Amino acid sequence: RNDLVENIRIQAKKDGFNFSKQAIKLLEEGMHLPLADSIASVNDWTKDLIEKRSKNLAELAWAEISPWLFD
């Protein structure tokens, strides 16, 4: 497991991203939020996919908060 985390850390660093010490610890312990499973299952993040996901999340958020704003 630690070899996998180290490989992820190295690749992320090559891509210009540095994990915090806490993030590395969470990776090593195998802890994650269950809602992250849907994100982790995507193999090919494209601009179109990100835009569709962003729009969907914004619509879901709006459906939840708009009644509070106009109540």
N, C-alpha and C. Protein backbone atom coordinates (compact mmCIF):
# COMPACT_ATOMS: atom_id res chain seq x y z
N ARG A 1 0.83 -1.20 0.00
CA ARG A 1 0.00 0.00 0.00
C ARG A 1 0.87 1.25 0.00
N ASN A 2 1.92 1.28 0.80
CA ASN A 2 2.77 2.46 0.87
C ASN A 2 3.51 2.70 -0.44
N ASP A 3 3.84 1.61 -1.18
CA ASP A 3 4.47 1.78 -2.50
C ASP A 3 3.51 2.49 -3.45
N LEU A 4 2.25 2.11 -3.39
CA LEU A 4 1.24 2.75 -4.24
C LEU A 4 1.12 4.23 -3.90
N VAL A 5 1.05 4.54 -2.62
CA VAL A 5 0.95 5.94 -2.18
C VAL A 5 2.18 6.72 -2.63
N GLU A 6 3.35 6.12 -2.51
CA GLU A 6 4.57 6.80 -2.92
C GLU A 6 4.57 7.06 -4.43
N ASN A 7 4.11 6.10 -5.21
CA ASN A 7 4.02 6.29 -6.66
C ASN A 7 3.03 7.40 -7.01
N ILE A 8 1.92 7.44 -6.31
CA ILE A 8 0.93 8.51 -6.52
C ILE A 8 1.54 9.86 -6.17
N ARG A 9 2.24 9.92 -5.05
CA ARG A 9 2.86 11.17 -4.61
C ARG A 9 3.89 11.66 -5.63
N ILE A 10 4.71 10.74 -6.13
CA ILE A 10 5.74 11.09 -7.12
C ILE A 10 5.11 11.60 -8.41
N GLN A 11 4.07 10.90 -8.89
CA GLN A 11 3.41 11.32 -10.13
C GLN A 11 2.74 12.68 -9.94
N ALA A 12 2.10 12.87 -8.80
CA ALA A 12 1.45 14.15 -8.53
C ALA A 12 2.48 15.28 -8.51
N LYS A 13 3.62 15.03 -7.90
CA LYS A 13 4.67 16.05 -7.84
C LYS A 13 5.16 16.39 -9.25
N LYS A 14 5.31 15.37 -10.11
CA LYS A 14 5.70 15.61 -11.50
C LYS A 14 4.67 16.47 -12.22
N ASP A 15 3.40 16.30 -11.82
CA ASP A 15 2.30 17.06 -12.43
C ASP A 15 2.11 18.43 -11.78
N GLY A 16 2.98 18.76 -10.82
CA GLY A 16 2.93 20.08 -10.19
C GLY A 16 2.04 20.17 -8.97
N PHE A 17 1.70 19.04 -8.38
CA PHE A 17 0.84 19.03 -7.20
C PHE A 17 1.57 18.37 -6.04
N ASN A 18 1.58 19.03 -4.91
CA ASN A 18 2.19 18.46 -3.71
C ASN A 18 1.11 18.18 -2.67
N PHE A 19 1.05 16.95 -2.21
CA PHE A 19 0.11 16.58 -1.16
C PHE A 19 0.60 17.11 0.18
N SER A 20 -0.35 17.49 1.03
CA SER A 20 0.01 17.88 2.40
C SER A 20 0.38 16.62 3.18
N LYS A 21 1.03 16.81 4.31
CA LYS A 21 1.39 15.67 5.16
C LYS A 21 0.14 14.92 5.59
N GLN A 22 -0.93 15.66 5.89
CA GLN A 22 -2.18 15.02 6.30
C GLN A 22 -2.78 14.19 5.17
N ALA A 23 -2.73 14.71 3.95
CA ALA A 23 -3.26 13.97 2.81
C ALA A 23 -2.48 12.67 2.60
N ILE A 24 -1.16 12.75 2.71
CA ILE A 24 -0.33 11.54 2.58
C ILE A 24 -0.70 10.53 3.66
N LYS A 25 -0.89 11.00 4.88
CA LYS A 25 -1.27 10.11 5.98
C LYS A 25 -2.61 9.42 5.68
N LEU A 26 -3.57 10.18 5.18
CA LEU A 26 -4.87 9.60 4.84
C LEU A 26 -4.74 8.56 3.73
N LEU A 27 -3.89 8.87 2.74
CA LEU A 27 -3.66 7.90 1.66
C LEU A 27 -3.03 6.62 2.20
N GLU A 28 -2.07 6.77 3.07
CA GLU A 28 -1.38 5.61 3.64
C GLU A 28 -2.32 4.76 4.49
N GLU A 29 -3.25 5.41 5.16
CA GLU A 29 -4.19 4.69 6.01
C GLU A 29 -5.38 4.16 5.22
N GLY A 30 -5.45 4.56 3.94
CA GLY A 30 -6.54 4.08 3.10
C GLY A 30 -7.88 4.71 3.42
N MET A 31 -7.84 5.87 4.06
CA MET A 31 -9.09 6.54 4.43
C MET A 31 -9.53 7.46 3.30
N HIS A 32 -10.82 7.51 3.07
CA HIS A 32 -11.38 8.42 2.09
C HIS A 32 -12.86 8.62 2.39
N LEU A 33 -13.40 9.65 1.78
CA LEU A 33 -14.83 9.88 1.90
C LEU A 33 -15.54 8.98 0.90
N PRO A 34 -16.60 8.32 1.32
CA PRO A 34 -17.33 7.45 0.39
C PRO A 34 -17.79 8.18 -0.87
N LEU A 35 -18.10 9.48 -0.75
CA LEU A 35 -18.55 10.20 -1.92
C LEU A 35 -17.44 10.37 -2.95
N ALA A 36 -16.20 10.13 -2.55
CA ALA A 36 -15.08 10.22 -3.49
C ALA A 36 -15.00 9.01 -4.41
N ASP A 37 -15.75 7.95 -4.11
CA ASP A 37 -15.71 6.74 -4.94
C ASP A 37 -16.10 7.04 -6.38
N SER A 38 -17.12 7.88 -6.58
CA SER A 38 -17.55 8.18 -7.94
C SER A 38 -16.48 8.93 -8.71
N ILE A 39 -15.73 9.78 -8.02
CA ILE A 39 -14.65 10.51 -8.66
C ILE A 39 -13.49 9.57 -9.00
N ALA A 40 -13.16 8.70 -8.08
CA ALA A 40 -12.04 7.78 -8.26
C ALA A 40 -12.30 6.76 -9.36
N SER A 41 -13.56 6.50 -9.65
CA SER A 41 -13.88 5.48 -10.64
C SER A 41 -13.75 5.98 -12.08
N VAL A 42 -13.57 7.29 -12.27
CA VAL A 42 -13.42 7.85 -13.61
C VAL A 42 -11.97 7.71 -14.06
N ASN A 43 -11.77 7.07 -15.19
CA ASN A 43 -10.42 6.86 -15.70
C ASN A 43 -9.95 7.96 -16.64
N ASP A 44 -10.89 8.61 -17.32
CA ASP A 44 -10.52 9.60 -18.32
C ASP A 44 -11.26 10.91 -18.07
N TRP A 45 -10.62 11.81 -17.34
CA TRP A 45 -11.21 13.12 -17.06
C TRP A 45 -10.99 14.01 -18.27
N THR A 46 -12.08 14.35 -18.93
CA THR A 46 -12.01 15.25 -20.08
C THR A 46 -12.64 16.58 -19.69
N LYS A 47 -12.36 17.60 -20.49
CA LYS A 47 -12.94 18.92 -20.24
C LYS A 47 -14.46 18.82 -20.25
N ASP A 48 -15.02 18.10 -21.21
CA ASP A 48 -16.47 17.95 -21.32
C ASP A 48 -17.05 17.27 -20.09
N LEU A 49 -16.41 16.22 -19.63
CA LEU A 49 -16.88 15.51 -18.44
C LEU A 49 -16.85 16.42 -17.21
N ILE A 50 -15.78 17.17 -17.06
CA ILE A 50 -15.65 18.07 -15.92
C ILE A 50 -16.73 19.15 -15.97
N GLU A 51 -16.97 19.71 -17.16
CA GLU A 51 -18.00 20.74 -17.30
C GLU A 51 -19.39 20.19 -16.98
N LYS A 52 -19.70 18.98 -17.48
CA LYS A 52 -21.00 18.37 -17.19
C LYS A 52 -21.15 18.08 -15.70
N ARG A 53 -20.10 17.56 -15.09
CA ARG A 53 -20.14 17.26 -13.65
C ARG A 53 -20.31 18.55 -12.84
N SER A 54 -19.59 19.58 -13.24
CA SER A 54 -19.69 20.87 -12.54
C SER A 54 -21.10 21.44 -12.64
N LYS A 55 -21.66 21.38 -13.84
CA LYS A 55 -23.03 21.88 -14.03
C LYS A 55 -24.02 21.09 -13.19
N ASN A 56 -23.88 19.78 -13.19
CA ASN A 56 -24.77 18.93 -12.41
C ASN A 56 -24.67 19.25 -10.91
N LEU A 57 -23.44 19.40 -10.40
CA LEU A 57 -23.26 19.72 -8.99
C LEU A 57 -23.85 21.09 -8.65
N ALA A 58 -23.67 22.07 -9.55
CA ALA A 58 -24.23 23.40 -9.32
C ALA A 58 -25.76 23.34 -9.30
N GLU A 59 -26.34 22.57 -10.19
CA GLU A 59 -27.80 22.43 -10.21
C GLU A 59 -28.32 21.75 -8.94
N LEU A 60 -27.62 20.74 -8.48
CA LEU A 60 -28.01 20.07 -7.24
C LEU A 60 -27.91 21.02 -6.05
N ALA A 61 -26.84 21.79 -6.01
CA ALA A 61 -26.66 22.76 -4.92
C ALA A 61 -27.75 23.81 -4.98
N TRP A 62 -28.05 24.32 -6.17
CA TRP A 62 -29.09 25.34 -6.32
C TRP A 62 -30.45 24.81 -5.86
N ALA A 63 -30.76 23.59 -6.21
CA ALA A 63 -32.05 23.00 -5.80
C ALA A 63 -32.16 22.93 -4.28
N GLU A 64 -31.04 22.75 -3.60
CA GLU A 64 -31.05 22.68 -2.14
C GLU A 64 -31.09 24.05 -1.48
N ILE A 65 -30.33 25.01 -2.00
CA ILE A 65 -30.22 26.29 -1.30
C ILE A 65 -31.19 27.36 -1.78
N SER A 66 -31.71 27.26 -2.99
CA SER A 66 -32.59 28.32 -3.50
C SER A 66 -33.85 28.50 -2.65
N PRO A 67 -34.45 27.43 -2.11
CA PRO A 67 -35.63 27.67 -1.27
C PRO A 67 -35.30 28.51 -0.03
N TRP A 68 -34.10 28.38 0.50
CA TRP A 68 -33.71 29.18 1.67
C TRP A 68 -33.56 30.65 1.29
N LEU A 69 -33.09 30.88 0.08
CA LEU A 69 -32.84 32.26 -0.35
C LEU A 69 -34.12 33.03 -0.62
N PHE A 70 -35.14 32.33 -1.05
CA PHE A 70 -36.37 32.99 -1.46
C PHE A 70 -37.54 32.71 -0.51
N ASP A 71 -37.23 32.22 0.66
CA ASP A 71 -38.27 31.89 1.63
C ASP A 71 -38.75 33.13 2.33
